Amino acid sequence: MAVDVKKIQSLSEQSLADLKTIEKLGELEHLAQLNDELKKAQDGDELANISPMFPPYFAELRKNVGFLLGNYKSIRTHAINRTKELNQLVDQLSRVK
């Protein structure tokens, strides 16, 4: 089985475009701000006065948004690191004749 260098190069370049898309999403500032505001609201007593269902709902929402933000930061870090590695791979493959 022969190694298809051109196919690997092409897929690497397409993968780099995918990784750049992940990087460009930024820090998801609005979700982080929402999470902060939910925490502030949850820390007060007003939520229970509005509806007894709000405190557990806000807690669950904060947990899920926090999980999403943590996962995204991890994926973004991986995207940055894999971009570096794929750039090196493309560079090395460009020397193969």
PDB file of N, CA and C in Angstrom:
ATOM      1  N   MET A   1       0.844  -1.169   0.000  1.00  0.00           N
ATOM      2  CA  MET A   1       0.000   0.000   0.000  1.00  0.00           C
ATOM      3  C   MET A   1       0.892   1.235   0.000  1.00  0.00           C
ATOM      4  N   ALA A   2       0.737   2.083  -0.984  1.00  0.00           N
ATOM      5  CA  ALA A   2       1.554   3.282  -1.121  1.00  0.00           C
ATOM      6  C   ALA A   2       0.926   4.435  -0.341  1.00  0.00           C
ATOM      7  N   VAL A   3       1.771   5.266   0.185  1.00  0.00           N
ATOM      8  CA  VAL A   3       1.315   6.461   0.889  1.00  0.00           C
ATOM      9  C   VAL A   3       0.940   7.510  -0.152  1.00  0.00           C
ATOM     10  N   ASP A   4      -0.262   8.043  -0.050  1.00  0.00           N
ATOM     11  CA  ASP A   4      -0.750   9.064  -0.977  1.00  0.00           C
ATOM     12  C   ASP A   4      -0.427  10.441  -0.388  1.00  0.00           C
ATOM     13  N   VAL A   5       0.786  10.917  -0.668  1.00  0.00           N
ATOM     14  CA  VAL A   5       1.282  12.165  -0.095  1.00  0.00           C
ATOM     15  C   VAL A   5       0.390  13.343  -0.500  1.00  0.00           C
ATOM     16  N   LYS A   6      -0.014  13.389  -1.738  1.00  0.00           N
ATOM     17  CA  LYS A   6      -0.845  14.508  -2.216  1.00  0.00           C
ATOM     18  C   LYS A   6      -2.193  14.542  -1.486  1.00  0.00           C
ATOM     19  N   LYS A   7      -2.770  13.375  -1.250  1.00  0.00           N
ATOM     20  CA  LYS A   7      -4.041  13.322  -0.530  1.00  0.00           C
ATOM     21  C   LYS A   7      -3.852  13.784   0.908  1.00  0.00           C
ATOM     22  N   ILE A   8      -2.775  13.343   1.549  1.00  0.00           N
ATOM     23  CA  ILE A   8      -2.490  13.768   2.929  1.00  0.00           C
ATOM     24  C   ILE A   8      -2.262  15.274   2.971  1.00  0.00           C
ATOM     25  N   GLN A   9      -1.538  15.815   1.988  1.00  0.00           N
ATOM     26  CA  GLN A   9      -1.317  17.261   1.924  1.00  0.00           C
ATOM     27  C   GLN A   9      -2.646  17.999   1.794  1.00  0.00           C
ATOM     28  N   SER A  10      -3.475  17.545   0.881  1.00  0.00           N
ATOM     29  CA  SER A  10      -4.756  18.190   0.642  1.00  0.00           C
ATOM     30  C   SER A  10      -5.638  18.152   1.891  1.00  0.00           C
ATOM     31  N   LEU A  11      -5.741  16.982   2.502  1.00  0.00           N
ATOM     32  CA  LEU A  11      -6.552  16.854   3.715  1.00  0.00           C
ATOM     33  C   LEU A  11      -5.972  17.666   4.867  1.00  0.00           C
ATOM     34  N   SER A  12      -4.651  17.759   4.943  1.00  0.00           N
ATOM     35  CA  SER A  12      -4.012  18.566   5.988  1.00  0.00           C
ATOM     36  C   SER A  12      -4.365  20.037   5.805  1.00  0.00           C
ATOM     37  N   GLU A  13      -4.325  20.509   4.572  1.00  0.00           N
ATOM     38  CA  GLU A  13      -4.658  21.909   4.314  1.00  0.00           C
ATOM     39  C   GLU A  13      -6.132  22.187   4.601  1.00  0.00           C
ATOM     40  N   GLN A  14      -7.012  21.254   4.249  1.00  0.00           N
ATOM     41  CA  GLN A  14      -8.431  21.413   4.564  1.00  0.00           C
ATOM     42  C   GLN A  14      -8.656  21.374   6.072  1.00  0.00           C
ATOM     43  N   SER A  15      -7.914  20.529   6.747  1.00  0.00           N
ATOM     44  CA  SER A  15      -8.014  20.436   8.208  1.00  0.00           C
ATOM     45  C   SER A  15      -7.533  21.724   8.863  1.00  0.00           C
ATOM     46  N   LEU A  16      -6.495  22.322   8.304  1.00  0.00           N
ATOM     47  CA  LEU A  16      -6.016  23.610   8.824  1.00  0.00           C
ATOM     48  C   LEU A  16      -7.111  24.665   8.736  1.00  0.00           C
ATOM     49  N   ALA A  17      -7.863  24.658   7.644  1.00  0.00           N
ATOM     50  CA  ALA A  17      -8.975  25.600   7.507  1.00  0.00           C
ATOM     51  C   ALA A  17     -10.031  25.348   8.588  1.00  0.00           C
ATOM     52  N   ASP A  18     -10.323  24.076   8.863  1.00  0.00           N
ATOM     53  CA  ASP A  18     -11.273  23.742   9.925  1.00  0.00           C
ATOM     54  C   ASP A  18     -10.780  24.238  11.281  1.00  0.00           C
ATOM     55  N   LEU A  19      -9.507  24.013  11.557  1.00  0.00           N
ATOM     56  CA  LEU A  19      -8.938  24.431  12.842  1.00  0.00           C
ATOM     57  C   LEU A  19      -8.948  25.950  12.983  1.00  0.00           C
ATOM     58  N   LYS A  20      -8.697  26.661  11.892  1.00  0.00           N
ATOM     59  CA  LYS A  20      -8.732  28.128  11.932  1.00  0.00           C
ATOM     60  C   LYS A  20     -10.144  28.618  12.253  1.00  0.00           C
ATOM     61  N   THR A  21     -11.148  27.915  11.751  1.00  0.00           N
ATOM     62  CA  THR A  21     -12.535  28.274  12.056  1.00  0.00           C
ATOM     63  C   THR A  21     -12.791  28.176  13.554  1.00  0.00           C
ATOM     64  N   ILE A  22     -12.290  27.117  14.165  1.00  0.00           N
ATOM     65  CA  ILE A  22     -12.448  26.946  15.619  1.00  0.00           C
ATOM     66  C   ILE A  22     -11.752  28.084  16.356  1.00  0.00           C
ATOM     67  N   GLU A  23     -10.545  28.422  15.935  1.00  0.00           N
ATOM     68  CA  GLU A  23      -9.790  29.495  16.590  1.00  0.00           C
ATOM     69  C   GLU A  23     -10.494  30.838  16.467  1.00  0.00           C
ATOM     70  N   LYS A  24     -11.110  31.087  15.322  1.00  0.00           N
ATOM     71  CA  LYS A  24     -11.737  32.386  15.064  1.00  0.00           C
ATOM     72  C   LYS A  24     -12.995  32.612  15.890  1.00  0.00           C
ATOM     73  N   LEU A  25     -13.548  31.572  16.454  1.00  0.00           N
ATOM     74  CA  LEU A  25     -14.761  31.740  17.250  1.00  0.00           C
ATOM     75  C   LEU A  25     -14.525  32.623  18.468  1.00  0.00           C
ATOM     76  N   GLY A  26     -13.287  32.770  18.865  1.00  0.00           N
ATOM     77  CA  GLY A  26     -12.979  33.633  19.999  1.00  0.00           C
ATOM     78  C   GLY A  26     -13.207  32.941  21.321  1.00  0.00           C
ATOM     79  N   GLU A  27     -13.462  33.739  22.306  1.00  0.00           N
ATOM     80  CA  GLU A  27     -13.568  33.234  23.678  1.00  0.00           C
ATOM     81  C   GLU A  27     -15.011  33.002  24.130  1.00  0.00           C
ATOM     82  N   LEU A  28     -15.971  33.122  23.218  1.00  0.00           N
ATOM     83  CA  LEU A  28     -17.391  32.972  23.559  1.00  0.00           C
ATOM     84  C   LEU A  28     -17.753  33.904  24.719  1.00  0.00           C
ATOM     85  N   GLU A  29     -17.412  35.190  24.520  1.00  0.00           N
ATOM     86  CA  GLU A  29     -17.572  36.195  25.571  1.00  0.00           C
ATOM     87  C   GLU A  29     -18.991  36.285  26.113  1.00  0.00           C
ATOM     88  N   HIS A  30     -19.977  36.201  25.218  1.00  0.00           N
ATOM     89  CA  HIS A  30     -21.352  36.368  25.670  1.00  0.00           C
ATOM     90  C   HIS A  30     -21.803  35.221  26.567  1.00  0.00           C
ATOM     91  N   LEU A  31     -21.368  34.017  26.250  1.00  0.00           N
ATOM     92  CA  LEU A  31     -21.707  32.887  27.129  1.00  0.00           C
ATOM     93  C   LEU A  31     -21.034  33.048  28.491  1.00  0.00           C
ATOM     94  N   ALA A  32     -19.800  33.525  28.489  1.00  0.00           N
ATOM     95  CA  ALA A  32     -19.097  33.743  29.758  1.00  0.00           C
ATOM     96  C   ALA A  32     -19.802  34.826  30.580  1.00  0.00           C
ATOM     97  N   GLN A  33     -20.244  35.891  29.905  1.00  0.00           N
ATOM     98  CA  GLN A  33     -20.960  36.961  30.607  1.00  0.00           C
ATOM     99  C   GLN A  33     -22.303  36.462  31.136  1.00  0.00           C
ATOM    100  N   LEU A  34     -22.985  35.660  30.319  1.00  0.00           N
ATOM    101  CA  LEU A  34     -24.257  35.077  30.766  1.00  0.00           C
ATOM    102  C   LEU A  34     -24.033  34.221  32.007  1.00  0.00           C
ATOM    103  N   ASN A  35     -23.000  33.412  31.990  1.00  0.00           N
ATOM    104  CA  ASN A  35     -22.691  32.553  33.136  1.00  0.00           C
ATOM    105  C   ASN A  35     -22.454  33.398  34.392  1.00  0.00           C
ATOM    106  N   ASP A  36     -21.733  34.511  34.236  1.00  0.00           N
ATOM    107  CA  ASP A  36     -21.490  35.414  35.368  1.00  0.00           C
ATOM    108  C   ASP A  36     -22.785  36.019  35.901  1.00  0.00           C
ATOM    109  N   GLU A  37     -23.651  36.452  34.980  1.00  0.00           N
ATOM    110  CA  GLU A  37     -24.919  37.047  35.395  1.00  0.00           C
ATOM    111  C   GLU A  37     -25.832  36.022  36.067  1.00  0.00           C
ATOM    112  N   LEU A  38     -25.815  34.800  35.553  1.00  0.00           N
ATOM    113  CA  LEU A  38     -26.606  33.748  36.188  1.00  0.00           C
ATOM    114  C   LEU A  38     -26.120  33.486  37.609  1.00  0.00           C
ATOM    115  N   LYS A  39     -24.800  33.531  37.786  1.00  0.00           N
ATOM    116  CA  LYS A  39     -24.231  33.331  39.132  1.00  0.00           C
ATOM    117  C   LYS A  39     -24.678  34.443  40.070  1.00  0.00           C
ATOM    118  N   LYS A  40     -24.606  35.695  39.586  1.00  0.00           N
ATOM    119  CA  LYS A  40     -25.041  36.828  40.416  1.00  0.00           C
ATOM    120  C   LYS A  40     -26.504  36.672  40.813  1.00  0.00           C
ATOM    121  N   ALA A  41     -27.335  36.313  39.833  1.00  0.00           N
ATOM    122  CA  ALA A  41     -28.761  36.146  40.114  1.00  0.00           C
ATOM    123  C   ALA A  41     -28.992  34.995  41.092  1.00  0.00           C
ATOM    124  N   GLN A  42     -28.219  33.952  40.932  1.00  0.00           N
ATOM    125  CA  GLN A  42     -28.377  32.768  41.774  1.00  0.00           C
ATOM    126  C   GLN A  42     -27.936  33.047  43.204  1.00  0.00           C
ATOM    127  N   ASP A  43     -26.944  33.899  43.359  1.00  0.00           N
ATOM    128  CA  ASP A  43     -26.426  34.198  44.694  1.00  0.00           C
ATOM    129  C   ASP A  43     -27.401  35.020  45.534  1.00  0.00           C
ATOM    130  N   GLY A  44     -28.331  35.707  44.870  1.00  0.00           N
ATOM    131  CA  GLY A  44     -29.315  36.502  45.609  1.00  0.00           C
ATOM    132  C   GLY A  44     -30.521  35.673  46.008  1.00  0.00           C
ATOM    133  N   ASP A  45     -31.428  36.314  46.728  1.00  0.00           N
ATOM    134  CA  ASP A  45     -32.649  35.646  47.190  1.00  0.00           C
ATOM    135  C   ASP A  45     -33.835  35.901  46.264  1.00  0.00           C
ATOM    136  N   GLU A  46     -33.657  36.760  45.286  1.00  0.00           N
ATOM    137  CA  GLU A  46     -34.783  37.177  44.452  1.00  0.00           C
ATOM    138  C   GLU A  46     -35.334  36.065  43.566  1.00  0.00           C
ATOM    139  N   LEU A  47     -34.485  35.159  43.111  1.00  0.00           N
ATOM    140  CA  LEU A  47     -34.945  34.114  42.198  1.00  0.00           C
ATOM    141  C   LEU A  47     -36.070  33.285  42.793  1.00  0.00           C
ATOM    142  N   ALA A  48     -35.896  32.864  44.016  1.00  0.00           N
ATOM    143  CA  ALA A  48     -36.915  32.039  44.675  1.00  0.00           C
ATOM    144  C   ALA A  48     -38.210  32.822  44.855  1.00  0.00           C
ATOM    145  N   ASN A  49     -38.098  34.142  45.051  1.00  0.00           N
ATOM    146  CA  ASN A  49     -39.296  34.973  45.192  1.00  0.00           C
ATOM    147  C   ASN A  49     -40.055  35.079  43.872  1.00  0.00           C
ATOM    148  N   ILE A  50     -39.325  35.058  42.756  1.00  0.00           N
ATOM    149  CA  ILE A  50     -39.966  35.132  41.445  1.00  0.00           C
ATOM    150  C   ILE A  50     -40.638  33.800  41.134  1.00  0.00           C
ATOM    151  N   SER A  51     -39.859  32.731  41.317  1.00  0.00           N
ATOM    152  CA  SER A  51     -40.400  31.390  41.084  1.00  0.00           C
ATOM    153  C   SER A  51     -39.526  30.384  41.827  1.00  0.00           C
ATOM    154  N   PRO A  52     -40.131  29.455  42.550  1.00  0.00           N
ATOM    155  CA  PRO A  52     -39.329  28.464  43.272  1.00  0.00           C
ATOM    156  C   PRO A  52     -38.566  27.520  42.338  1.00  0.00           C
ATOM    157  N   MET A  53     -38.943  27.523  41.061  1.00  0.00           N
ATOM    158  CA  MET A  53     -38.251  26.666  40.101  1.00  0.00           C
ATOM    159  C   MET A  53     -36.978  27.316  39.558  1.00  0.00           C
ATOM    160  N   PHE A  54     -36.843  28.631  39.713  1.00  0.00           N
ATOM    161  CA  PHE A  54     -35.688  29.323  39.140  1.00  0.00           C
ATOM    162  C   PHE A  54     -34.339  28.928  39.750  1.00  0.00           C
ATOM    163  N   PRO A  55     -34.191  28.851  41.074  1.00  0.00           N
ATOM    164  CA  PRO A  55     -32.860  28.525  41.610  1.00  0.00           C
ATOM    165  C   PRO A  55     -32.276  27.214  41.072  1.00  0.00           C
ATOM    166  N   PRO A  56     -33.013  26.094  41.087  1.00  0.00           N
ATOM    167  CA  PRO A  56     -32.407  24.877  40.535  1.00  0.00           C
ATOM    168  C   PRO A  56     -32.205  24.970  39.015  1.00  0.00           C
ATOM    169  N   TYR A  57     -33.098  25.672  38.333  1.00  0.00           N
ATOM    170  CA  TYR A  57     -32.968  25.827  36.888  1.00  0.00           C
ATOM    171  C   TYR A  57     -31.715  26.638  36.549  1.00  0.00           C
ATOM    172  N   PHE A  58     -31.510  27.745  37.253  1.00  0.00           N
ATOM    173  CA  PHE A  58     -30.310  28.570  37.032  1.00  0.00           C
ATOM    174  C   PHE A  58     -29.048  27.785  37.372  1.00  0.00           C
ATOM    175  N   ALA A  59     -29.107  27.009  38.444  1.00  0.00           N
ATOM    176  CA  ALA A  59     -27.937  26.210  38.838  1.00  0.00           C
ATOM    177  C   ALA A  59     -27.579  25.208  37.747  1.00  0.00           C
ATOM    178  N   GLU A  60     -28.580  24.533  37.202  1.00  0.00           N
ATOM    179  CA  GLU A  60     -28.346  23.553  36.139  1.00  0.00           C
ATOM    180  C   GLU A  60     -27.836  24.228  34.872  1.00  0.00           C
ATOM    181  N   LEU A  61     -28.423  25.355  34.546  1.00  0.00           N
ATOM    182  CA  LEU A  61     -27.992  26.106  33.360  1.00  0.00           C
ATOM    183  C   LEU A  61     -26.548  26.574  33.510  1.00  0.00           C
ATOM    184  N   ARG A  62     -26.215  27.098  34.680  1.00  0.00           N
ATOM    185  CA  ARG A  62     -24.829  27.531  34.938  1.00  0.00           C
ATOM    186  C   ARG A  62     -23.856  26.364  34.831  1.00  0.00           C
ATOM    187  N   LYS A  63     -24.238  25.223  35.369  1.00  0.00           N
ATOM    188  CA  LYS A  63     -23.379  24.047  35.298  1.00  0.00           C
ATOM    189  C   LYS A  63     -23.131  23.666  33.840  1.00  0.00           C
ATOM    190  N   ASN A  64     -24.180  23.650  33.034  1.00  0.00           N
ATOM    191  CA  ASN A  64     -24.053  23.257  31.640  1.00  0.00           C
ATOM    192  C   ASN A  64     -23.283  24.284  30.809  1.00  0.00           C
ATOM    193  N   VAL A  65     -23.535  25.557  31.047  1.00  0.00           N
ATOM    194  CA  VAL A  65     -22.799  26.603  30.325  1.00  0.00           C
ATOM    195  C   VAL A  65     -21.323  26.567  30.733  1.00  0.00           C
ATOM    196  N   GLY A  66     -21.068  26.378  32.010  1.00  0.00           N
ATOM    197  CA  GLY A  66     -19.683  26.267  32.482  1.00  0.00           C
ATOM    198  C   GLY A  66     -18.968  25.082  31.848  1.00  0.00           C
ATOM    199  N   PHE A  67     -19.657  23.967  31.742  1.00  0.00           N
ATOM    200  CA  PHE A  67     -19.100  22.775  31.103  1.00  0.00           C
ATOM    201  C   PHE A  67     -18.800  23.054  29.637  1.00  0.00           C
ATOM    202  N   LEU A  68     -19.734  23.701  28.948  1.00  0.00           N
ATOM    203  CA  LEU A  68     -19.542  24.065  27.550  1.00  0.00           C
ATOM    204  C   LEU A  68     -18.331  24.975  27.383  1.00  0.00           C
ATOM    205  N   LEU A  69     -18.220  25.992  28.220  1.00  0.00           N
ATOM    206  CA  LEU A  69     -17.088  26.919  28.130  1.00  0.00           C
ATOM    207  C   LEU A  69     -15.768  26.205  28.375  1.00  0.00           C
ATOM    208  N   GLY A  70     -15.742  25.317  29.358  1.00  0.00           N
ATOM    209  CA  GLY A  70     -14.521  24.563  29.639  1.00  0.00           C
ATOM    210  C   GLY A  70     -14.127  23.669  28.477  1.00  0.00           C
ATOM    211  N   ASN A  71     -15.105  22.983  27.917  1.00  0.00           N
ATOM    212  CA  ASN A  71     -14.824  22.121  26.760  1.00  0.00           C
ATOM    213  C   ASN A  71     -14.352  22.929  25.569  1.00  0.00           C
ATOM    214  N   TYR A  72     -15.000  24.057  25.339  1.00  0.00           N
ATOM    215  CA  TYR A  72     -14.609  24.892  24.200  1.00  0.00           C
ATOM    216  C   TYR A  72     -13.173  25.393  24.357  1.00  0.00           C
ATOM    217  N   LYS A  73     -12.824  25.840  25.543  1.00  0.00           N
ATOM    218  CA  LYS A  73     -11.449  26.316  25.763  1.00  0.00           C
ATOM    219  C   LYS A  73     -10.449  25.201  25.494  1.00  0.00           C
ATOM    220  N   SER A  74     -10.783  23.992  25.918  1.00  0.00           N
ATOM    221  CA  SER A  74      -9.911  22.849  25.678  1.00  0.00           C
ATOM    222  C   SER A  74      -9.806  22.556  24.184  1.00  0.00           C
ATOM    223  N   ILE A  75     -10.933  22.561  23.490  1.00  0.00           N
ATOM    224  CA  ILE A  75     -10.930  22.300  22.049  1.00  0.00           C
ATOM    225  C   ILE A  75     -10.160  23.388  21.319  1.00  0.00           C
ATOM    226  N   ARG A  76     -10.345  24.629  21.738  1.00  0.00           N
ATOM    227  CA  ARG A  76      -9.630  25.744  21.096  1.00  0.00           C
ATOM    228  C   ARG A  76      -8.123  25.595  21.290  1.00  0.00           C
ATOM    229  N   THR A  77      -7.700  25.218  22.477  1.00  0.00           N
ATOM    230  CA  THR A  77      -6.274  24.988  22.731  1.00  0.00           C
ATOM    231  C   THR A  77      -5.752  23.866  21.850  1.00  0.00           C
ATOM    232  N   HIS A  78      -6.524  22.785  21.746  1.00  0.00           N
ATOM    233  CA  HIS A  78      -6.123  21.681  20.869  1.00  0.00           C
ATOM    234  C   HIS A  78      -6.038  22.151  19.422  1.00  0.00           C
ATOM    235  N   ALA A  79      -6.979  22.965  18.994  1.00  0.00           N
ATOM    236  CA  ALA A  79      -6.970  23.463  17.609  1.00  0.00           C
ATOM    237  C   ALA A  79      -5.707  24.270  17.339  1.00  0.00           C
ATOM    238  N   ILE A  80      -5.329  25.116  18.275  1.00  0.00           N
ATOM    239  CA  ILE A  80      -4.108  25.923  18.116  1.00  0.00           C
ATOM    240  C   ILE A  80      -2.887  25.011  18.038  1.00  0.00           C
ATOM    241  N   ASN A  81      -2.817  24.029  18.927  1.00  0.00           N
ATOM    242  CA  ASN A  81      -1.665  23.119  18.940  1.00  0.00           C
ATOM    243  C   ASN A  81      -1.622  22.241  17.698  1.00  0.00           C
ATOM    244  N   ARG A  82      -2.780  21.747  17.263  1.00  0.00           N
ATOM    245  CA  ARG A  82      -2.798  20.901  16.072  1.00  0.00           C
ATOM    246  C   ARG A  82      -2.495  21.713  14.812  1.00  0.00           C
ATOM    247  N   THR A  83      -2.845  23.000  14.815  1.00  0.00           N
ATOM    248  CA  THR A  83      -2.501  23.865  13.684  1.00  0.00           C
ATOM    249  C   THR A  83      -0.989  23.923  13.509  1.00  0.00           C
ATOM    250  N   LYS A  84      -0.298  24.078  14.611  1.00  0.00           N
ATOM    251  CA  LYS A  84       1.168  24.114  14.556  1.00  0.00           C
ATOM    252  C   LYS A  84       1.715  22.800  13.999  1.00  0.00           C
ATOM    253  N   GLU A  85       1.188  21.692  14.497  1.00  0.00           N
ATOM    254  CA  GLU A  85       1.658  20.377  14.051  1.00  0.00           C
ATOM    255  C   GLU A  85       1.340  20.133  12.576  1.00  0.00           C
ATOM    256  N   LEU A  86       0.140  20.495  12.153  1.00  0.00           N
ATOM    257  CA  LEU A  86      -0.233  20.281  10.753  1.00  0.00           C
ATOM    258  C   LEU A  86       0.573  21.181   9.816  1.00  0.00           C
ATOM    259  N   ASN A  87       0.874  22.388  10.267  1.00  0.00           N
ATOM    260  CA  ASN A  87       1.731  23.259   9.451  1.00  0.00           C
ATOM    261  C   ASN A  87       3.107  22.613   9.256  1.00  0.00           C
ATOM    262  N   GLN A  88       3.621  22.013  10.309  1.00  0.00           N
ATOM    263  CA  GLN A  88       4.907  21.319  10.202  1.00  0.00           C
ATOM    264  C   GLN A  88       4.799  20.128   9.249  1.00  0.00           C
ATOM    265  N   LEU A  89       3.697  19.388   9.340  1.00  0.00           N
ATOM    266  CA  LEU A  89       3.487  18.246   8.454  1.00  0.00           C
ATOM    267  C   LEU A  89       3.420  18.691   6.995  1.00  0.00           C
ATOM    268  N   VAL A  90       2.633  19.737   6.721  1.00  0.00           N
ATOM    269  CA  VAL A  90       2.510  20.241   5.362  1.00  0.00           C
ATOM    270  C   VAL A  90       3.879  20.687   4.847  1.00  0.00           C
ATOM    271  N   ASP A  91       4.652  21.346   5.705  1.00  0.00           N
ATOM    272  CA  ASP A  91       6.002  21.774   5.325  1.00  0.00           C
ATOM    273  C   ASP A  91       6.876  20.579   4.977  1.00  0.00           C
ATOM    274  N   GLN A  92       6.821  19.546   5.808  1.00  0.00           N
ATOM    275  CA  GLN A  92       7.629  18.359   5.551  1.00  0.00           C
ATOM    276  C   GLN A  92       7.182  17.642   4.274  1.00  0.00           C
ATOM    277  N   LEU A  93       5.881  17.534   4.081  1.00  0.00           N
ATOM    278  CA  LEU A  93       5.363  16.856   2.891  1.00  0.00           C
ATOM    279  C   LEU A  93       5.656  17.621   1.607  1.00  0.00           C
ATOM    280  N   SER A  94       5.763  18.945   1.720  1.00  0.00           N
ATOM    281  CA  SER A  94       6.046  19.735   0.530  1.00  0.00           C
ATOM    282  C   SER A  94       7.442  19.453  -0.005  1.00  0.00           C
ATOM    283  N   ARG A  95       8.284  18.873   0.801  1.00  0.00           N
ATOM    284  CA  ARG A  95       9.660  18.541   0.397  1.00  0.00           C
ATOM    285  C   ARG A  95       9.758  17.160  -0.235  1.00  0.00           C
ATOM    286  N   VAL A  96       8.686  16.364  -0.092  1.00  0.00           N
ATOM    287  CA  VAL A  96       8.681  15.017  -0.656  1.00  0.00           C
ATOM    288  C   VAL A  96       8.398  15.120  -2.146  1.00  0.00           C
ATOM    289  N   LYS A  97       9.192  14.414  -2.908  1.00  0.00           N
ATOM    290  CA  LYS A  97       8.986  14.458  -4.383  1.00  0.00           C
ATOM    291  C   LYS A  97       8.525  13.142  -4.899  1.00  0.00           C
TER     292      LYS A  97
END
